[in-house]
């Protein structure tokens, strides 16, 4: 292949790259990325990632809703754009890692991210994994933060609005397999649940939605039934794990046979034995003939024997209490015991008679007459002395009271003065606080005004910079097109010299066509340059 043909191929490649680079408004179609939209939920804040209507605005954190602005197109474990479902031309973007700000902008200008199995979202523009997406300082927007410094960097993908699962009424139940007479028992986190004899321990108690659709959460370790490898095909292992999108269980009443436990991630699989010998449970192919796949949700311990008019009598020797439960002891056989469904304690009535004994005592009164001669001596002096002493004592007490009254009066006056001084001090403090608030407010207003002025200047500079950048780019394109035209003309001239040869004639014709294309590109670039200057 001769030199001129190589030059032509290079020009064609350059021309193709130029056309591709002009595609600045990329749109993602459903066949380019997972077409099922996801909610991106932040566990720490309890909120979802939200794309604002205006372009190049911050990606916010808001209470999860159903609009398309809460939904995203995401590729799990792949390096790809995170695309807004509300507008497939717009993607999550980290324009400058230095300021940590996340915005939603044109996909062609946006960088890519990796969403890993640990719930971390890493921007691919940063070489290390020390920084990932998390909750910003205000708590109102997503931001680039240092990983593992806070729980705010953990995210999960949901196929439905998380609020429909997280904010529901629940009840405590046993999950009972009547065919096997056993209950679902929770194990430690990361291990599969088992089937065991029912009892009242927390291992056998579960918190499930009253509506029936949502998490099956154990009271033992507060972990959930989780289909952790739902996308790997074959049987799906069930473990005690995180309460997330992979832990949603469908309403048992809406399942195939009205009594099977199914994950909406694969509705063809039901909870049952993977291996009955080692008591290992998982999500296996649904089969109504398999006894281990039929379940019952009950608010009463299934191991408890019931009694009553619609159930029947208790076993021999047991009592039926007021709640319709069989057993022995005073709680079952005492007060409220239903004798028609079992035995009850005998009630013994005792009558106690009380006899009151009255005793009469007779007292004989004897009167004795005694004659006494008494000599009376006047005691006027002693009486006066006694009165004087009493008067002195009263006077002393009166003086003491007077002194106390005086002290009290002074104290009351001092208290009044102190109270008044205290009121004045409080008012002074209130005035000082108000003054401080006013001063701070004035300072904040001044700072805000200054910040606003700086922001305006920054916007003006950004606009001027953008105009200059566009103008510079168009001049560069025009120059490139002009160079291509010159090269094409050179090739055309060269090929014309060797027009006798068939191969060279072909090259000349090709060069002329490329020259015409380059000339058109150059003319378009000049027109674009004129428009930019006018703007």
Protein backbone atom coordinates (compact mmCIF):
# COMPACT_ATOMS: atom_id res chain seq x y z
CA UNK A 1 0.00 0.00 0.00
CA UNK A 2 1.52 3.33 -1.05
CA UNK A 3 2.08 6.41 1.08
CA UNK A 4 -0.79 8.44 -0.41
CA UNK A 5 -3.35 5.71 0.40
CA UNK A 6 -2.13 5.60 4.03
CA UNK A 7 -2.61 9.37 4.29
CA UNK A 8 -6.15 9.01 2.94
CA UNK A 9 -7.01 6.34 5.54
CA UNK A 10 -5.65 8.58 8.31
CA UNK A 11 -7.81 11.49 7.08
CA UNK A 12 -10.93 9.30 7.02
CA UNK A 13 -10.22 8.12 10.60
CA UNK A 14 -9.73 11.70 11.77
CA UNK A 15 -12.95 12.74 10.10
CA UNK A 16 -14.86 9.90 11.82
CA UNK A 17 -13.45 10.82 15.27
CA UNK A 18 -14.48 14.42 14.70
CA UNK A 19 -18.08 13.39 13.91
CA UNK A 20 -18.22 11.15 16.99
CA UNK A 21 -16.90 13.89 19.27
CA UNK A 22 -19.73 16.17 18.15
CA UNK A 23 -22.31 13.86 19.84
CA UNK A 24 -22.53 15.85 23.08
CA UNK A 25 -26.10 14.88 24.02
CA UNK A 26 -25.85 11.13 24.57
CA UNK A 27 -29.08 9.33 25.47
CA UNK A 28 -29.20 5.87 27.03
CA UNK A 29 -31.70 3.48 25.50
CA UNK A 30 -33.23 0.50 27.30
CA UNK A 31 -31.10 -2.00 25.40
CA UNK A 32 -27.86 -0.27 26.48
CA UNK A 33 -28.35 -0.64 30.24
CA UNK A 34 -30.53 -2.54 32.72
CA UNK A 35 -34.01 -1.25 31.83
CA UNK A 36 -35.45 -1.98 35.29
CA UNK A 37 -35.21 1.26 37.30
CA UNK A 38 -33.83 1.15 40.85
CA UNK A 39 -34.22 3.28 43.93
CA UNK A 40 -30.77 4.10 45.39
CA UNK A 41 -31.37 4.02 49.16
CA UNK A 42 -29.03 5.35 51.85
CA UNK A 43 -29.36 3.31 55.07
CA UNK A 44 -27.79 5.97 57.31
CA UNK A 45 -30.15 8.81 56.35
CA UNK A 46 -33.15 6.64 55.48
CA UNK A 47 -33.54 8.62 52.23
CA UNK A 48 -33.27 8.03 48.48
CA UNK A 49 -31.10 9.66 45.80
CA UNK A 50 -33.09 12.28 43.87
CA UNK A 51 -32.41 14.06 40.55
CA UNK A 52 -33.55 17.69 40.50
CA UNK A 53 -35.54 18.97 37.47
CA UNK A 54 -32.87 21.52 36.49
CA UNK A 55 -29.67 20.26 34.90
CA UNK A 56 -26.28 20.63 36.67
CA UNK A 57 -27.93 20.83 40.12
CA UNK A 58 -26.92 18.81 43.18
CA UNK A 59 -28.06 15.21 43.59
CA UNK A 60 -30.30 15.40 46.68
CA UNK A 61 -31.33 12.98 49.43
CA UNK A 62 -35.11 13.00 50.00
CA UNK A 63 -37.83 10.83 51.52
CA UNK A 64 -38.33 8.07 48.96
CA UNK A 65 -41.14 8.73 46.46
CA UNK A 66 -42.59 7.11 43.37
CA UNK A 67 -41.70 9.71 40.70
CA UNK A 68 -39.10 9.01 38.03
CA UNK A 69 -36.66 11.42 39.74
CA UNK A 70 -36.12 8.83 42.49
CA UNK A 71 -35.38 6.07 39.95
CA UNK A 72 -32.02 5.30 38.30
CA UNK A 73 -30.61 2.91 35.72
CA UNK A 74 -27.61 1.19 37.35
CA UNK A 75 -25.26 -1.64 36.35
CA UNK A 76 -24.26 -3.60 39.48
CA UNK A 77 -20.51 -4.38 39.71
CA UNK A 78 -19.83 -2.80 36.30
CA UNK A 79 -18.12 0.47 35.45
CA UNK A 80 -20.93 2.52 33.95
CA UNK A 81 -23.00 5.70 34.14
CA UNK A 82 -25.76 6.06 36.74
CA UNK A 83 -28.59 7.32 34.52
CA UNK A 84 -31.65 9.26 35.68
CA UNK A 85 -34.83 7.37 34.76
CA UNK A 86 -36.70 10.70 34.53
CA UNK A 87 -34.39 11.93 31.73
CA UNK A 88 -32.11 9.40 30.06
CA UNK A 89 -29.86 12.16 28.71
CA UNK A 90 -28.78 12.97 32.29
CA UNK A 91 -26.38 11.09 34.54
CA UNK A 92 -24.86 11.37 38.02
CA UNK A 93 -21.59 13.27 37.78
CA UNK A 94 -18.60 14.27 39.92
CA UNK A 95 -17.19 17.20 37.91
CA UNK A 96 -14.44 18.08 40.38
CA UNK A 97 -13.30 15.55 43.04
CA UNK A 98 -11.65 18.39 44.96
CA UNK A 99 -14.98 20.02 45.99
CA UNK A 100 -16.77 16.65 46.56
CA UNK A 101 -19.95 17.95 44.86
CA UNK A 102 -22.24 15.49 43.02
CA UNK A 103 -24.54 16.87 40.33
CA UNK A 104 -26.82 15.53 37.59
CA UNK A 105 -25.59 16.64 34.16
CA UNK A 106 -25.43 15.54 30.49
CA UNK A 107 -24.33 11.89 30.24
CA UNK A 108 -21.65 12.76 27.68
CA UNK A 109 -19.97 15.04 30.24
CA UNK A 110 -20.45 12.68 33.21
CA UNK A 111 -18.00 10.21 34.69
CA UNK A 112 -18.77 6.58 35.48
CA UNK A 113 -19.15 4.77 38.82
CA UNK A 114 -18.84 1.27 40.26
CA UNK A 115 -21.55 -0.01 42.65
CA UNK A 116 -19.98 -2.95 44.55
CA UNK A 117 -21.46 -5.81 46.63
CA UNK A 118 -20.67 -3.99 49.91
CA UNK A 119 -23.00 -1.14 49.02
CA UNK A 120 -20.20 1.31 48.20
CA UNK A 121 -20.36 3.58 45.12
CA UNK A 122 -16.92 4.59 43.79
CA UNK A 123 -16.26 7.19 41.06
CA UNK A 124 -13.92 5.73 38.44
CA UNK A 125 -12.15 9.08 38.00
CA UNK A 126 -10.35 8.47 41.33
CA UNK A 127 -7.58 5.88 41.34
CA UNK A 128 -7.99 4.65 44.95
CA UNK A 129 -10.99 3.39 46.94
CA UNK A 130 -10.53 5.74 49.91
CA UNK A 131 -13.36 7.99 48.71
CA UNK A 132 -16.90 7.01 47.81
CA UNK A 133 -20.43 8.42 47.69
CA UNK A 134 -22.07 9.30 51.00
CA UNK A 135 -24.16 11.86 52.86
CA UNK A 136 -23.02 15.49 52.68
CA UNK A 137 -22.49 17.68 55.74
CA UNK A 138 -25.98 19.20 55.54
CA UNK A 139 -27.60 15.78 55.27
CA UNK A 140 -29.64 17.03 52.31
CA UNK A 141 -27.44 16.03 49.38
CA UNK A 142 -25.14 13.23 48.24
CA UNK A 143 -21.42 14.00 48.32
CA UNK A 144 -17.99 12.42 47.91
CA UNK A 145 -16.77 11.43 51.40
CA UNK A 146 -13.97 9.39 52.95
CA UNK A 147 -15.07 5.75 53.03
CA UNK A 148 -15.49 3.79 56.31
CA UNK A 149 -15.53 7.00 58.37
CA UNK A 150 -19.31 6.91 58.77
CA UNK A 151 -22.29 4.68 58.01
CA UNK A 152 -23.39 7.31 55.50
CA UNK A 153 -21.42 5.60 52.72
CA UNK A 154 -23.62 2.47 52.54
CA UNK A 155 -26.22 2.28 49.76
CA UNK A 156 -28.60 -0.38 48.47
CA UNK A 157 -30.56 -0.86 45.24
CA UNK A 158 -34.30 -1.43 45.50
CA UNK A 159 -36.77 -2.65 42.85
CA UNK A 160 -39.60 -0.77 44.60
CA UNK A 161 -40.06 2.26 46.86
CA UNK A 162 -38.28 1.34 50.15
CA UNK A 163 -40.93 3.19 52.19
CA UNK A 164 -43.51 0.60 51.09
CA UNK A 165 -41.46 -2.03 52.93
CA UNK A 166 -39.80 -0.15 55.80
CA UNK A 167 -42.70 1.94 57.12
CA UNK A 168 -45.42 -0.68 57.66
CA UNK A 169 -47.33 -2.14 60.60
CA UNK A 170 -45.87 -5.47 61.82
CA UNK A 171 -46.87 -8.33 64.11
CA UNK A 172 -44.98 -11.07 66.01
CA UNK A 173 -45.61 -14.56 64.60
CA UNK A 174 -44.40 -18.12 64.35
CA UNK A 175 -43.74 -19.49 60.82
CA UNK A 176 -45.13 -23.03 61.09
CA UNK A 177 -44.95 -26.07 58.83
CA UNK A 178 -48.05 -28.08 59.74
CA UNK A 179 -47.04 -31.12 57.66
CA UNK A 180 -43.76 -31.53 59.56
CA UNK A 181 -45.09 -30.04 62.85
CA UNK A 182 -42.02 -27.76 63.05
CA UNK A 183 -41.30 -24.04 63.08
CA UNK A 184 -38.82 -21.88 61.18
CA UNK A 185 -35.89 -21.13 63.47
CA UNK A 186 -33.42 -18.25 62.93
CA UNK A 187 -29.68 -18.83 63.18
CA UNK A 188 -26.73 -16.42 63.44
CA UNK A 189 -26.17 -13.83 60.72
CA UNK A 190 -24.81 -15.41 57.52
CA UNK A 191 -26.22 -18.86 58.29
CA UNK A 192 -29.33 -20.52 56.86
CA UNK A 193 -32.49 -20.85 59.00
CA UNK A 194 -33.59 -24.33 60.10
CA UNK A 195 -36.76 -26.27 60.95
CA UNK A 196 -37.09 -27.26 64.63
CA UNK A 197 -39.64 -28.05 67.32
CA UNK A 198 -41.60 -24.88 68.12
CA UNK A 199 -41.07 -23.03 71.39
CA UNK A 200 -41.37 -19.53 72.91
CA UNK A 201 -37.72 -18.45 72.43
CA UNK A 202 -36.77 -15.50 70.19
CA UNK A 203 -35.27 -17.88 67.58
CA UNK A 204 -38.80 -18.93 66.64
CA UNK A 205 -40.43 -15.49 66.74
CA UNK A 206 -40.55 -13.31 63.64
CA UNK A 207 -41.72 -9.79 62.91
CA UNK A 208 -43.67 -9.72 59.63
CA UNK A 209 -45.90 -7.07 57.98
CA UNK A 210 -49.60 -7.24 58.82
CA UNK A 211 -50.17 -6.74 55.07
CA UNK A 212 -48.05 -9.86 54.47
CA UNK A 213 -45.70 -8.26 51.92
CA UNK A 214 -42.20 -7.27 53.12
CA UNK A 215 -39.45 -8.40 55.52
CA UNK A 216 -39.46 -11.57 57.62
CA UNK A 217 -37.28 -10.27 60.46
CA UNK A 218 -36.11 -12.47 63.35
CA UNK A 219 -36.42 -11.27 66.95
CA UNK A 220 -33.25 -13.28 67.73
CA UNK A 221 -30.60 -11.16 65.96
CA UNK A 222 -32.95 -8.75 64.10
CA UNK A 223 -31.67 -10.03 60.74
CA UNK A 224 -33.97 -10.98 57.84
CA UNK A 225 -34.54 -13.94 55.55
CA UNK A 226 -32.34 -12.91 52.63
CA UNK A 227 -32.04 -14.48 49.16
CA UNK A 228 -28.35 -13.58 48.92
CA UNK A 229 -27.53 -15.21 45.55
CA UNK A 230 -30.81 -14.78 43.71
CA UNK A 231 -29.15 -14.18 40.32
CA UNK A 232 -26.80 -17.18 40.27
CA UNK A 233 -29.29 -19.73 38.95
CA UNK A 234 -30.28 -23.12 40.34
CA UNK A 235 -31.33 -23.40 43.99
CA UNK A 236 -31.02 -20.14 45.93
CA UNK A 237 -29.59 -20.23 49.42
CA UNK A 238 -31.54 -18.37 52.11
CA UNK A 239 -29.48 -16.83 54.90
CA UNK A 240 -30.07 -14.59 57.89
CA UNK A 241 -28.78 -11.32 56.45
CA UNK A 242 -29.44 -7.63 55.83
CA UNK A 243 -32.99 -6.34 55.59
CA UNK A 244 -32.71 -4.96 52.05
CA UNK A 245 -34.13 -5.43 48.55
CA UNK A 246 -33.08 -9.11 48.52
CA UNK A 247 -34.99 -9.72 51.78
CA UNK A 248 -38.48 -8.84 50.49
CA UNK A 249 -40.94 -11.74 50.75
CA UNK A 250 -44.27 -11.78 48.90
CA UNK A 251 -47.58 -12.04 50.76
CA UNK A 252 -47.99 -15.74 51.51
CA UNK A 253 -51.71 -15.52 50.69
CA UNK A 254 -50.90 -14.37 47.12
CA UNK A 255 -48.43 -17.23 46.48
CA UNK A 256 -49.03 -20.21 44.17
CA UNK A 257 -50.85 -22.41 46.68
CA UNK A 258 -51.74 -19.73 49.25
CA UNK A 259 -49.21 -21.10 51.72
CA UNK A 260 -45.74 -20.85 50.10
CA UNK A 261 -42.93 -18.38 50.88
CA UNK A 262 -41.64 -16.72 47.68
CA UNK A 263 -39.18 -13.92 46.85
CA UNK A 264 -40.34 -11.48 44.11
CA UNK A 265 -36.81 -11.74 42.68
CA UNK A 266 -37.66 -15.26 41.43
CA UNK A 267 -41.33 -16.22 41.71
CA UNK A 268 -40.64 -19.77 40.53
CA UNK A 269 -38.77 -20.67 43.73
CA UNK A 270 -40.34 -21.52 47.12
CA UNK A 271 -38.85 -21.87 50.60
CA UNK A 272 -38.16 -25.54 51.36
CA UNK A 273 -35.46 -28.14 51.90
CA UNK A 274 -32.36 -28.04 49.72
CA UNK A 275 -31.21 -31.07 51.68
CA UNK A 276 -33.53 -32.57 54.32
CA UNK A 277 -30.74 -34.71 55.77
CA UNK A 278 -28.76 -31.71 57.01
CA UNK A 279 -31.90 -29.59 57.60
CA UNK A 280 -30.69 -26.99 55.04
CA UNK A 281 -33.37 -24.64 53.70
CA UNK A 282 -33.28 -22.56 50.54
CA UNK A 283 -35.39 -21.29 47.63
CA UNK A 284 -36.04 -24.34 45.45
CA UNK A 285 -38.35 -25.06 42.51
CA UNK A 286 -41.95 -24.82 43.70
CA UNK A 287 -43.76 -28.17 43.99
CA UNK A 288 -47.14 -28.45 45.74
CA UNK A 289 -46.43 -32.12 46.54
CA UNK A 290 -43.41 -31.22 48.68
CA UNK A 291 -44.60 -31.11 52.30
CA UNK A 292 -41.68 -28.91 53.34
CA UNK A 293 -42.89 -26.03 51.09
CA UNK A 294 -46.22 -25.38 52.85
CA UNK A 295 -46.25 -22.78 55.66
CA UNK A 296 -48.63 -21.09 58.04
CA UNK A 297 -48.25 -17.67 59.69
CA UNK A 298 -49.67 -17.80 63.23
CA UNK A 299 -49.66 -15.41 66.18
CA UNK A 300 -49.92 -18.34 68.64
CA UNK A 301 -47.15 -20.80 69.42
CA UNK A 302 -48.14 -23.91 67.38
CA UNK A 303 -46.79 -26.19 70.12
CA UNK A 304 -49.53 -24.89 72.45
CA UNK A 305 -52.60 -27.17 72.60
CA UNK A 306 -55.81 -25.23 72.02
CA UNK A 307 -59.34 -25.90 73.31
CA UNK A 308 -62.82 -24.44 72.95
CA UNK A 309 -66.16 -24.82 71.25
CA UNK A 310 -64.75 -24.84 67.71
CA UNK A 311 -61.64 -26.86 68.61
CA UNK A 312 -62.49 -29.48 71.22
CA UNK A 313 -61.39 -30.68 74.64
CA UNK A 314 -57.95 -30.73 76.24
CA UNK A 315 -56.02 -34.00 76.66
CA UNK A 316 -56.90 -36.03 79.76
CA UNK A 317 -55.72 -34.41 82.98
CA UNK A 318 -55.35 -30.89 81.49
CA UNK A 319 -57.43 -27.76 82.01
CA UNK A 320 -58.75 -25.24 79.44
CA UNK A 321 -58.02 -21.70 80.61
CA UNK A 322 -59.97 -18.51 79.76
CA UNK A 323 -57.78 -17.99 76.63
CA UNK A 324 -58.59 -21.45 75.25
CA UNK A 325 -55.14 -22.96 75.96
CA UNK A 326 -54.62 -26.37 77.58
CA UNK A 327 -52.30 -26.91 80.50
CA UNK A 328 -51.96 -27.69 84.18
CA UNK A 329 -51.52 -25.51 87.24
CA UNK A 330 -53.48 -22.65 88.70
CA UNK A 331 -53.07 -20.45 85.57
CA UNK A 332 -55.06 -23.03 83.60
CA UNK A 333 -57.21 -24.77 86.24
CA UNK A 334 -58.03 -21.78 88.47
CA UNK A 335 -60.03 -18.64 87.82
CA UNK A 336 -61.59 -18.56 84.31
CA UNK A 337 -61.10 -22.30 83.74
CA UNK A 338 -63.61 -23.70 81.21
CA UNK A 339 -64.82 -26.93 82.79
CA UNK A 340 -66.74 -28.04 79.67
CA UNK A 341 -63.43 -28.53 77.78
CA UNK A 342 -61.25 -30.04 80.51
CA UNK A 343 -60.87 -30.48 84.23
CA UNK A 344 -60.80 -27.53 86.64
CA UNK A 345 -59.86 -27.09 90.31
CA UNK A 346 -62.67 -27.94 92.80
CA UNK A 347 -64.01 -24.89 94.63
CA UNK A 348 -64.55 -25.54 98.39
CA UNK A 349 -66.96 -23.16 100.18
CA UNK A 350 -66.38 -22.81 103.91
CA UNK A 351 -68.90 -21.21 106.35
CA UNK A 352 -67.36 -19.75 109.50
CA UNK A 353 -69.59 -19.09 112.58
CA UNK A 354 -68.30 -16.56 115.10
CA UNK A 355 -69.67 -16.66 118.72
CA UNK A 356 -69.32 -13.46 120.75
CA UNK A 357 -69.00 -13.97 124.50
CA UNK A 358 -70.22 -11.11 126.86
CA UNK A 359 -68.82 -10.88 130.45
CA UNK A 360 -70.63 -8.81 133.17
CA UNK A 361 -68.56 -7.47 136.09
CA UNK A 362 -70.27 -6.22 139.38
CA UNK A 363 -68.41 -3.58 141.42
CA UNK A 364 -69.32 -2.90 145.00
CA UNK A 365 -68.94 0.73 146.14
CA UNK A 366 -67.89 1.40 149.79
CA UNK A 367 -68.22 4.89 151.27
CA UNK A 368 -65.95 5.94 154.18
CA UNK A 369 -66.52 9.19 156.14
CA UNK A 370 -63.36 10.95 157.38
CA UNK A 371 -63.28 14.12 159.44
CA UNK A 372 -60.29 16.36 158.61
CA UNK A 373 -59.31 19.63 160.34
CA UNK A 374 -57.48 22.00 157.96
CA UNK A 375 -55.61 25.22 158.91
CA UNK A 376 -55.48 27.71 156.01
CA UNK A 377 -52.51 30.15 155.69
CA UNK A 378 -52.74 32.99 153.11
CA UNK A 379 -50.12 32.64 150.17
CA UNK A 380 -50.53 36.07 148.46
CA UNK A 381 -46.75 36.76 148.18
CA UNK A 382 -46.01 33.46 146.49
CA UNK A 383 -48.81 34.07 144.03
CA UNK A 384 -47.43 37.55 143.11
CA UNK A 385 -43.92 36.09 142.69
CA UNK A 386 -45.28 33.40 140.42
CA UNK A 387 -47.10 35.99 138.32
CA UNK A 388 -43.95 38.15 138.09
CA UNK A 389 -41.86 35.24 136.90
CA UNK A 390 -44.49 34.40 134.34
CA UNK A 391 -44.61 38.04 133.21
CA UNK A 392 -40.84 38.17 132.87
CA UNK A 393 -40.83 34.99 130.85
CA UNK A 394 -43.57 36.32 128.55
CA UNK A 395 -41.73 39.62 128.17
CA UNK A 396 -38.54 37.78 127.25
CA UNK A 397 -40.40 35.71 124.70
CA UNK A 398 -41.98 38.88 123.33
CA UNK A 399 -38.52 40.47 122.95
CA UNK A 400 -37.26 37.37 121.19
CA UNK A 401 -40.22 37.49 118.83
CA UNK A 402 -39.62 41.19 118.24
CA UNK A 403 -35.95 40.52 117.39
CA UNK A 404 -36.94 37.73 115.07
CA UNK A 405 -39.60 39.92 113.48
CA UNK A 406 -37.04 42.65 112.95
CA UNK A 407 -34.60 40.22 111.37
CA UNK A 408 -37.37 38.81 109.22
CA UNK A 409 -38.44 42.29 108.16
CA UNK A 410 -34.86 43.15 107.20
CA UNK A 411 -34.46 39.84 105.45
CA UNK A 412 -37.73 40.31 103.56
CA UNK A 413 -36.63 43.78 102.48
CA UNK A 414 -33.26 42.38 101.39
CA UNK A 415 -35.00 39.60 99.53
CA UNK A 416 -37.18 42.15 97.79
CA UNK A 417 -34.11 44.18 96.81
CA UNK A 418 -32.28 41.04 95.73
CA UNK A 419 -35.27 39.90 93.69
CA UNK A 420 -35.47 43.30 92.03
CA UNK A 421 -31.72 43.21 91.30
CA UNK A 422 -32.10 39.70 89.93
CA UNK A 423 -34.92 40.82 87.60
CA UNK A 424 -32.78 43.70 86.38
CA UNK A 425 -29.87 41.29 85.80
CA UNK A 426 -32.12 38.94 83.81
CA UNK A 427 -33.36 41.81 81.67
CA UNK A 428 -29.76 42.91 81.12
CA UNK A 429 -28.83 39.34 80.07
CA UNK A 430 -31.83 39.21 77.72
CA UNK A 431 -30.78 42.52 76.17
CA UNK A 432 -27.19 41.23 75.86
CA UNK A 433 -28.37 38.03 74.15
CA UNK A 434 -30.62 39.94 71.78
CA UNK A 435 -27.76 42.29 71.05
CA UNK A 436 -25.45 39.37 70.39
CA UNK A 437 -28.02 37.73 68.09
CA UNK A 438 -28.49 41.00 66.24
CA UNK A 439 -24.73 41.40 65.94
CA UNK A 440 -24.30 37.83 64.67
CA UNK A 441 -27.26 38.25 62.31
CA UNK A 442 -25.79 41.46 60.99
CA UNK A 443 -22.43 39.75 60.52
CA UNK A 444 -24.09 36.75 58.81
CA UNK A 445 -26.05 39.07 56.51
CA UNK A 446 -22.80 40.82 55.65
CA UNK A 447 -21.05 37.47 55.02
CA UNK A 448 -24.00 36.20 52.97
CA UNK A 449 -24.02 39.38 50.92
CA UNK A 450 -20.28 39.07 50.34
CA UNK A 451 -20.66 35.39 49.41
CA UNK A 452 -23.47 36.30 47.03
CA UNK A 453 -21.31 38.93 45.36
CA UNK A 454 -18.47 36.42 45.01
CA UNK A 455 -20.90 33.83 43.57
CA UNK A 456 -22.14 36.38 41.02
CA UNK A 457 -18.57 37.20 40.01
CA UNK A 458 -17.77 33.46 39.77
CA UNK A 459 -20.82 32.92 37.53
CA UNK A 460 -19.80 35.83 35.33
CA UNK A 461 -16.28 34.41 35.04
CA UNK A 462 -17.70 30.93 34.31
CA UNK A 463 -19.89 32.32 31.52
CA UNK A 464 -17.01 34.25 29.99
CA UNK A 465 -14.78 31.17 30.32
CA UNK A 466 -17.41 29.00 28.65
CA UNK A 467 -17.76 31.46 25.74
CA UNK A 468 -13.99 31.60 25.36
CA UNK A 469 -13.70 27.80 25.56
CA UNK A 470 -16.40 27.32 22.89
CA UNK A 471 -14.80 29.91 20.65
CA UNK A 472 -11.37 28.36 21.11
CA UNK A 473 -12.79 24.90 20.33
CA UNK A 474 -14.49 26.14 17.16
CA UNK A 475 -11.30 27.87 15.98
CA UNK A 476 -9.43 24.59 16.62
CA UNK A 477 -12.06 22.64 14.61
CA UNK A 478 -11.87 25.16 11.77
CA UNK A 479 -8.09 24.94 11.74
CA UNK A 480 -8.24 21.14 11.75
CA UNK A 481 -10.72 21.15 8.87
CA UNK A 482 -8.53 23.60 6.93
CA UNK A 483 -5.48 21.34 7.46
CA UNK A 484 -7.51 18.35 6.22
CA UNK A 485 -8.54 20.31 3.13
CA UNK A 486 -4.93 21.28 2.44
CA UNK A 487 -3.76 17.66 2.81
CA UNK A 488 -6.57 16.50 0.56
CA UNK A 489 -5.66 19.08 -2.09
CA UNK A 490 -2.00 18.01 -1.87
CA UNK A 491 -3.05 14.38 -2.37
CA UNK A 492 -5.26 15.36 -5.26
CA UNK A 493 -2.40 17.21 -6.90
CA UNK A 494 -0.05 14.27 -6.33
CA UNK A 495 -2.53 11.77 -7.69
CA UNK A 496 -3.18 13.94 -10.76
CA UNK A 497 0.50 13.73 -11.69
CA UNK A 498 0.14 10.00 -11.94
CA UNK A 499 -3.23 10.00 -13.68
CA UNK A 500 -1.98 7.52 -16.32
CA UNK A 501 -2.05 4.78 -13.73
CA UNK A 502 -5.50 3.42 -12.86
CA UNK A 503 -4.69 3.09 -9.15
CA UNK A 504 -3.51 6.70 -8.89
CA UNK A 505 -6.59 7.99 -10.73
CA UNK A 506 -8.72 6.26 -8.13
CA UNK A 507 -6.71 7.91 -5.37
CA UNK A 508 -7.13 11.32 -7.01
CA UNK A 509 -10.89 10.93 -7.20
CA UNK A 510 -11.01 9.86 -3.55
CA UNK A 511 -8.85 12.84 -2.59
CA UNK A 512 -11.20 15.22 -4.43
CA UNK A 513 -14.21 13.82 -2.59
CA UNK A 514 -12.47 14.18 0.77
CA UNK A 515 -11.41 17.70 -0.15
CA UNK A 516 -15.03 18.60 -0.85
CA UNK A 517 -16.10 17.07 2.51
CA UNK A 518 -13.34 18.94 4.32
CA UNK A 519 -14.39 22.17 2.62
CA UNK A 520 -17.99 21.67 3.84
CA UNK A 521 -16.73 20.98 7.37
CA UNK A 522 -14.58 24.11 7.20
CA UNK A 523 -17.56 26.22 6.06
CA UNK A 524 -19.75 24.85 8.90
CA UNK A 525 -17.01 25.56 11.41
CA UNK A 526 -16.72 29.15 10.16
CA UNK A 527 -20.47 29.65 10.51
CA UNK A 528 -20.37 28.23 14.04
CA UNK A 529 -17.48 30.53 14.88
CA UNK A 530 -19.48 33.57 13.69
CA UNK A 531 -22.47 32.54 15.82
CA UNK A 532 -20.21 32.09 18.87
CA UNK A 533 -18.71 35.58 18.42
CA UNK A 534 -22.20 37.08 18.18
CA UNK A 535 -23.23 35.34 21.40
